[in-house]
Amino acid sequence: MDEMIAVRHLTRRFGPITAVDDVSFTVSRGEVLGFLGPNGAGKSTTMKMITGFLAPSSGTAVICGADIVDAPIAAKRRIGYLPEGAPAYPDMTPAGFLDFVARIRGFAGAEARRRIEIAVERTQLASVLHQPIETLSKGFKRRVGLAQALLHEPDVLILDEPTDGLDPNQKHEVRRLITALAAEKAIVISTHLLEEVDAICTRAIVIAVGRVLADGTPAALAARSRHHNAVRLALARDGGDAATALMRLPGVVAVEPIEDVEGSALMIFPRAGSSIIAEVTDLVRTAGWSVTALRVERGRLDDVFRAITLPGKA
């Protein structure tokens, strides 16, 4: 694959505090990397170093072959960056701000107008284009920030909480846009929304206390959850000793009652994540239970996230 971002041993210290501790990873064209971690994990600090807004204490990031420390201008030309909080000049309108950004990026005349029109259309800003930015909602301010990140059609997008402050419809549109852009770009998204990782990311990194603790596809990370291959069984009526019978199955390690709108329900957990659906369905048929729902869980990212990031849970 075409490697677009290479993060090499990035470290950042603030006095005695190490905010980012020897972080390394790569991102290739076509990848959407979800950068996950609790508050204070080092996500935003890492992104600021990748984009050249913050100098690393050691290490570097290489963007499309340009080192952000040794060749910062060449690297930054290839990056579109949406920082935390989407800062902009509050007395400007979105139209004026995007024109200002276009000129800074070296575009003028018809080419600047073309790029601004594309960015406005992609981020659906037409209705507020001539309002002062300080009067806009948090969601619209976020979209103005996203528009400026897209304006120069960069190869690399670094987006810090891109859907923060957006309503559900706006989140859907931004996620759809990121998915549409992904084939030709390398995209890194910092987020605390696990649903966002499921929706748009091809890969996820979990960071805590400044260190990378996990790196894999969302499916591979979810497979580390105790819910991976667990079976949710809802019965039309009380199955009597259903839980006891299920616990006798060789592949079952635990059976827990759960609240379920489909009736009396049980969550059946497998031993070591193995598949137990065949054992469970055989028992259901033999026992003659009346079942309203039977489905296999694929795993839960929130389980894995807590296990990795909470002290004493890993």
Protein backbone atom coordinates (compact mmCIF):
# COMPACT_ATOMS: atom_id res chain seq x y z
CA MET A 1 0.00 0.00 0.00
CA ASP A 2 1.00 3.64 -0.55
CA GLU A 3 2.31 4.82 2.84
CA MET A 4 1.27 8.46 3.41
CA ILE A 5 1.98 8.96 7.12
CA ALA A 6 4.85 7.47 9.08
CA VAL A 7 4.92 8.42 12.77
CA ARG A 8 8.32 7.52 14.23
CA HIS A 9 8.90 7.41 17.98
CA LEU A 10 7.03 10.66 18.70
CA THR A 11 7.53 11.86 22.25
CA ARG A 12 6.41 15.08 23.90
CA ARG A 13 7.23 16.20 27.41
CA PHE A 14 5.82 19.16 29.29
CA GLY A 15 8.29 19.62 32.12
CA PRO A 16 8.19 16.42 34.18
CA ILE A 17 5.04 15.16 32.41
CA THR A 18 5.34 12.88 29.38
CA ALA A 19 2.15 13.49 27.39
CA VAL A 20 3.15 11.30 24.42
CA ASP A 21 5.58 8.45 24.95
CA ASP A 22 7.38 6.89 21.94
CA VAL A 23 4.36 6.61 19.63
CA SER A 24 4.91 4.97 16.24
CA PHE A 25 2.47 3.93 13.49
CA THR A 26 1.90 4.27 9.74
CA VAL A 27 -1.19 5.12 7.69
CA SER A 28 -1.56 4.25 4.01
CA ARG A 29 -3.68 5.72 1.26
CA GLY A 30 -7.23 4.41 1.57
CA GLU A 31 -7.06 3.94 5.34
CA VAL A 32 -9.27 5.76 7.85
CA LEU A 33 -7.54 5.43 11.19
CA GLY A 34 -9.56 6.02 14.34
CA PHE A 35 -7.40 7.43 17.13
CA LEU A 36 -9.11 6.43 20.37
CA GLY A 37 -8.34 7.21 23.97
CA PRO A 38 -9.74 8.71 27.17
CA ASN A 39 -9.43 12.43 27.90
CA GLY A 40 -5.80 13.33 28.49
CA ALA A 41 -4.51 10.23 26.67
CA GLY A 42 -2.31 12.24 24.28
CA LYS A 43 -4.50 12.14 21.15
CA SER A 44 -4.58 15.87 20.41
CA THR A 45 -0.93 16.33 21.34
CA THR A 46 0.05 13.58 18.90
CA MET A 47 -2.02 15.17 16.13
CA LYS A 48 -0.47 18.58 16.78
CA MET A 49 3.00 17.06 16.40
CA ILE A 50 2.06 15.20 13.20
CA THR A 51 0.80 18.45 11.66
CA GLY A 52 3.72 20.56 12.85
CA PHE A 53 1.75 22.75 15.25
CA LEU A 54 3.76 21.43 18.16
CA ALA A 55 7.43 20.46 18.12
CA PRO A 56 8.17 16.95 19.42
CA SER A 57 10.64 16.43 22.24
CA SER A 58 11.96 13.57 20.12
CA GLY A 59 10.89 11.56 17.11
CA THR A 60 9.18 12.82 13.96
CA ALA A 61 6.38 12.28 11.44
CA VAL A 62 6.92 11.87 7.70
CA ILE A 63 4.06 13.08 5.49
CA CYS A 64 4.13 11.83 1.88
CA GLY A 65 7.93 11.63 2.11
CA ALA A 66 8.44 15.03 3.79
CA ASP A 67 9.69 15.12 7.38
CA ILE A 68 7.57 17.47 9.50
CA VAL A 69 10.65 18.47 11.53
CA ASP A 70 13.21 18.87 8.73
CA ALA A 71 10.86 19.97 5.89
CA PRO A 72 7.79 21.43 7.60
CA ILE A 73 6.47 23.52 4.67
CA ALA A 74 6.58 20.58 2.23
CA ALA A 75 4.86 18.33 4.76
CA LYS A 76 2.15 20.85 5.64
CA ARG A 77 1.25 21.36 1.97
CA ARG A 78 0.03 17.75 1.94
CA ILE A 79 -2.02 18.00 5.16
CA GLY A 80 -5.56 19.16 5.83
CA TYR A 81 -5.94 19.72 9.57
CA LEU A 82 -9.09 20.22 11.63
CA PRO A 83 -7.84 21.08 15.12
CA GLU A 84 -9.69 20.70 18.38
CA GLY A 85 -12.25 23.49 18.78
CA ALA A 86 -12.14 24.53 15.08
CA PRO A 87 -10.60 27.96 15.72
CA ALA A 88 -11.46 30.71 13.23
CA TYR A 89 -11.64 34.51 13.14
CA PRO A 90 -15.03 35.22 14.79
CA ASP A 91 -15.71 38.50 12.98
CA MET A 92 -15.21 36.93 9.54
CA THR A 93 -17.95 35.20 7.59
CA PRO A 94 -17.34 31.65 6.34
CA ALA A 95 -17.04 33.09 2.82
CA GLY A 96 -14.40 35.59 3.92
CA PHE A 97 -12.53 33.04 6.04
CA LEU A 98 -12.37 30.46 3.25
CA ASP A 99 -11.20 33.15 0.79
CA PHE A 100 -8.49 34.09 3.30
CA VAL A 101 -7.42 30.44 3.66
CA ALA A 102 -7.41 29.99 -0.14
CA ARG A 103 -5.07 32.97 -0.56
CA ILE A 104 -2.76 31.68 2.18
CA ARG A 105 -2.67 28.35 0.35
CA GLY A 106 -1.60 30.18 -2.84
CA PHE A 107 -4.88 30.14 -4.79
CA ALA A 108 -6.47 33.18 -6.42
CA GLY A 109 -9.15 34.15 -8.91
CA ALA A 110 -11.19 31.42 -10.55
CA GLU A 111 -9.17 28.61 -8.98
CA ALA A 112 -9.77 29.96 -5.46
CA ARG A 113 -13.49 30.32 -6.19
CA ARG A 114 -13.65 26.77 -7.57
CA ARG A 115 -12.03 25.29 -4.50
CA ILE A 116 -14.18 27.33 -2.11
CA GLU A 117 -17.36 26.26 -3.93
CA ILE A 118 -16.37 22.58 -3.67
CA ALA A 119 -15.52 22.89 0.04
CA VAL A 120 -18.80 24.74 0.76
CA GLU A 121 -20.83 22.13 -1.11
CA ARG A 122 -19.10 19.23 0.64
CA THR A 123 -19.69 20.72 4.11
CA GLN A 124 -23.16 22.19 3.37
CA LEU A 125 -22.30 25.72 4.44
CA ALA A 126 -24.27 27.65 1.79
CA SER A 127 -27.03 28.72 4.18
CA VAL A 128 -24.62 30.49 6.58
CA LEU A 129 -21.92 31.59 4.15
CA HIS A 130 -22.37 35.31 4.84
CA GLN A 131 -23.05 35.24 8.59
CA PRO A 132 -20.32 36.22 11.07
CA ILE A 133 -18.66 33.06 12.35
CA GLU A 134 -19.19 34.19 15.96
CA THR A 135 -22.98 33.93 15.42
CA LEU A 136 -22.88 30.34 14.13
CA SER A 137 -23.78 27.25 16.12
CA LYS A 138 -21.04 24.94 17.32
CA GLY A 139 -21.93 22.51 14.55
CA PHE A 140 -21.62 25.10 11.79
CA LYS A 141 -18.34 26.37 13.24
CA ARG A 142 -17.08 22.79 13.08
CA ARG A 143 -18.10 22.55 9.44
CA VAL A 144 -16.28 25.80 8.63
CA GLY A 145 -13.17 24.23 10.13
CA LEU A 146 -13.67 21.09 8.07
CA ALA A 147 -14.15 23.16 4.89
CA GLN A 148 -10.79 24.90 5.35
CA ALA A 149 -9.11 21.52 5.91
CA LEU A 150 -10.49 20.25 2.60
CA LEU A 151 -10.01 23.40 0.54
CA HIS A 152 -6.58 22.58 -0.93
CA GLU A 153 -7.53 18.92 -1.61
CA PRO A 154 -4.77 17.44 0.57
CA ASP A 155 -3.51 13.86 0.43
CA VAL A 156 -3.61 13.57 4.23
CA LEU A 157 -6.46 14.59 6.54
CA ILE A 158 -5.91 14.93 10.29
CA LEU A 159 -9.30 15.50 11.94
CA ASP A 160 -9.59 16.09 15.68
CA GLU A 161 -13.16 15.22 16.76
CA PRO A 162 -14.67 16.05 13.31
CA THR A 163 -18.30 15.48 14.37
CA ASP A 164 -18.08 17.22 17.75
CA GLY A 165 -21.13 19.45 18.21
CA LEU A 166 -23.00 18.12 15.19
CA ASP A 167 -26.56 16.82 15.36
CA PRO A 168 -27.24 13.22 14.21
CA ASN A 169 -28.08 14.26 10.63
CA GLN A 170 -24.96 16.41 10.38
CA LYS A 171 -22.83 13.58 11.80
CA HIS A 172 -24.20 11.25 9.15
CA GLU A 173 -23.31 13.71 6.38
CA VAL A 174 -19.76 14.29 7.66
CA ARG A 175 -19.19 10.55 8.03
CA ARG A 176 -20.48 9.98 4.52
CA LEU A 177 -18.11 12.68 3.24
CA ILE A 178 -15.11 11.11 5.01
CA THR A 179 -16.00 7.70 3.55
CA ALA A 180 -16.24 9.23 0.06
CA LEU A 181 -12.85 10.92 0.42
CA ALA A 182 -11.10 7.91 1.94
CA ALA A 183 -10.12 6.03 -1.23
CA GLU A 184 -7.64 8.71 -2.33
CA LYS A 185 -6.39 9.92 1.05
CA ALA A 186 -4.91 8.81 4.33
CA ILE A 187 -7.21 9.97 7.12
CA VAL A 188 -6.64 10.07 10.88
CA ILE A 189 -9.63 10.83 13.09
CA SER A 190 -9.36 11.48 16.79
CA THR A 191 -12.61 10.53 18.49
CA HIS A 192 -14.09 9.28 21.73
CA LEU A 193 -17.19 7.99 19.90
CA LEU A 194 -16.91 4.25 19.46
CA GLU A 195 -19.88 4.33 17.08
CA GLU A 196 -17.78 6.56 14.81
CA VAL A 197 -15.05 3.94 14.63
CA ASP A 198 -17.62 1.32 13.67
CA ALA A 199 -19.18 3.63 11.09
CA ILE A 200 -16.17 4.86 9.13
CA CYS A 201 -12.80 3.58 10.33
CA THR A 202 -10.89 0.77 8.66
CA ARG A 203 -8.45 0.62 11.56
CA ALA A 204 -8.24 1.83 15.15
CA ILE A 205 -5.46 2.70 17.57
CA VAL A 206 -6.14 2.91 21.29
CA ILE A 207 -3.87 5.27 23.21
CA ALA A 208 -3.72 5.89 26.96
CA VAL A 209 -1.17 7.68 29.16
CA GLY A 210 0.63 8.66 25.98
CA ARG A 211 1.27 5.13 24.72
CA VAL A 212 -0.24 3.01 21.94
CA LEU A 213 -1.92 0.06 23.67
CA ALA A 214 -3.76 -1.55 20.74
CA ASP A 215 -3.76 -1.33 16.94
CA GLY A 216 -6.07 -3.29 14.64
CA THR A 217 -9.24 -3.30 12.59
CA PRO A 218 -12.45 -2.51 14.48
CA ALA A 219 -13.52 -6.13 13.98
CA ALA A 220 -10.23 -7.48 15.35
CA LEU A 221 -10.46 -5.23 18.40
CA ALA A 222 -14.11 -6.13 18.98
CA ALA A 223 -13.09 -9.81 18.90
CA ARG A 224 -11.15 -9.18 22.12
CA SER A 225 -14.42 -8.38 23.89
CA ARG A 226 -16.00 -10.94 26.21
CA HIS A 227 -19.15 -10.47 24.08
CA HIS A 228 -17.41 -11.80 20.96
CA ASN A 229 -19.39 -14.90 19.87
CA ALA A 230 -21.66 -14.57 22.91
CA VAL A 231 -25.24 -15.66 22.19
CA ARG A 232 -28.27 -13.59 23.15
CA LEU A 233 -31.21 -15.92 23.76
CA ALA A 234 -34.71 -14.54 24.37
CA LEU A 235 -37.42 -16.97 25.43
CA ALA A 236 -41.16 -16.51 24.95
CA ARG A 237 -41.74 -17.74 28.50
CA ASP A 238 -39.64 -18.68 31.48
CA GLY A 239 -37.39 -21.56 30.48
CA GLY A 240 -37.18 -22.84 34.02
CA ASP A 241 -33.68 -24.18 34.40
CA ALA A 242 -32.51 -22.80 31.03
CA ALA A 243 -29.49 -21.06 32.56
CA THR A 244 -28.47 -24.23 34.41
CA ALA A 245 -28.81 -26.34 31.27
CA LEU A 246 -26.80 -23.84 29.22
CA MET A 247 -24.00 -23.79 31.79
CA ARG A 248 -23.53 -27.53 31.27
CA LEU A 249 -22.49 -26.96 27.64
CA PRO A 250 -18.72 -27.50 27.22
CA GLY A 251 -18.14 -24.22 25.38
CA VAL A 252 -20.05 -22.01 27.82
CA VAL A 253 -18.21 -20.13 30.56
CA ALA A 254 -21.06 -17.95 31.94
CA VAL A 255 -24.78 -17.29 31.57
CA GLU A 256 -26.22 -13.96 32.71
CA PRO A 257 -29.83 -12.72 32.74
CA ILE A 258 -30.34 -9.46 30.84
CA GLU A 259 -33.18 -7.04 30.27
CA ASP A 260 -34.61 -7.50 26.80
CA VAL A 261 -37.80 -6.24 25.15
CA GLU A 262 -38.10 -9.62 23.46
CA GLY A 263 -38.86 -11.40 26.75
CA SER A 264 -36.90 -13.30 29.37
CA ALA A 265 -33.39 -13.15 27.98
CA LEU A 266 -30.01 -14.63 28.69
CA MET A 267 -26.53 -13.68 27.51
CA ILE A 268 -24.47 -16.83 27.04
CA PHE A 269 -20.72 -16.23 27.09
CA PRO A 270 -18.29 -18.56 25.28
CA ARG A 271 -15.08 -19.99 26.63
CA ALA A 272 -12.07 -18.16 25.09
CA GLY A 273 -14.25 -16.50 22.44
CA SER A 274 -15.05 -19.77 20.66
CA SER A 275 -18.23 -20.23 18.62
CA ILE A 276 -21.04 -21.75 20.69
CA ILE A 277 -24.04 -21.11 18.46
CA ALA A 278 -24.27 -24.75 17.30
CA GLU A 279 -24.22 -26.04 20.90
CA VAL A 280 -26.88 -23.55 21.97
CA THR A 281 -29.24 -24.23 19.05
CA ASP A 282 -28.94 -27.98 19.56
CA LEU A 283 -29.92 -27.56 23.21
CA VAL A 284 -32.82 -25.25 22.31
CA ARG A 285 -34.24 -27.88 19.94
CA THR A 286 -33.74 -30.73 22.41
CA ALA A 287 -35.31 -28.81 25.31
CA GLY A 288 -38.20 -27.57 23.18
CA TRP A 289 -37.88 -23.97 24.34
CA SER A 290 -40.03 -21.34 22.66
CA VAL A 291 -37.55 -18.77 21.37
CA THR A 292 -38.32 -15.19 20.30
CA ALA A 293 -34.75 -14.20 19.45
CA LEU A 294 -31.42 -15.91 19.02
CA ARG A 295 -28.40 -14.02 17.76
CA VAL A 296 -24.65 -14.03 17.96
CA GLU A 297 -22.82 -10.96 19.26
CA ARG A 298 -19.75 -9.86 17.27
CA GLY A 299 -18.13 -8.12 20.22
CA ARG A 300 -18.25 -4.68 21.77
CA LEU A 301 -15.60 -2.03 21.34
CA ASP A 302 -16.62 -0.38 24.62
CA ASP A 303 -15.68 -3.59 26.50
CA VAL A 304 -12.25 -3.58 24.89
CA PHE A 305 -11.74 0.15 25.34
CA ARG A 306 -12.46 -0.06 29.08
CA ALA A 307 -10.31 -3.17 29.53
CA ILE A 308 -7.36 -1.51 27.79
CA THR A 309 -7.56 2.01 29.23
CA LEU A 310 -8.80 1.60 32.80
CA PRO A 311 -6.07 0.98 35.40
CA GLY A 312 -6.11 -2.63 36.58
CA LYS A 313 -8.43 -3.76 33.76
CA ALA A 314 -5.93 -4.63 31.07
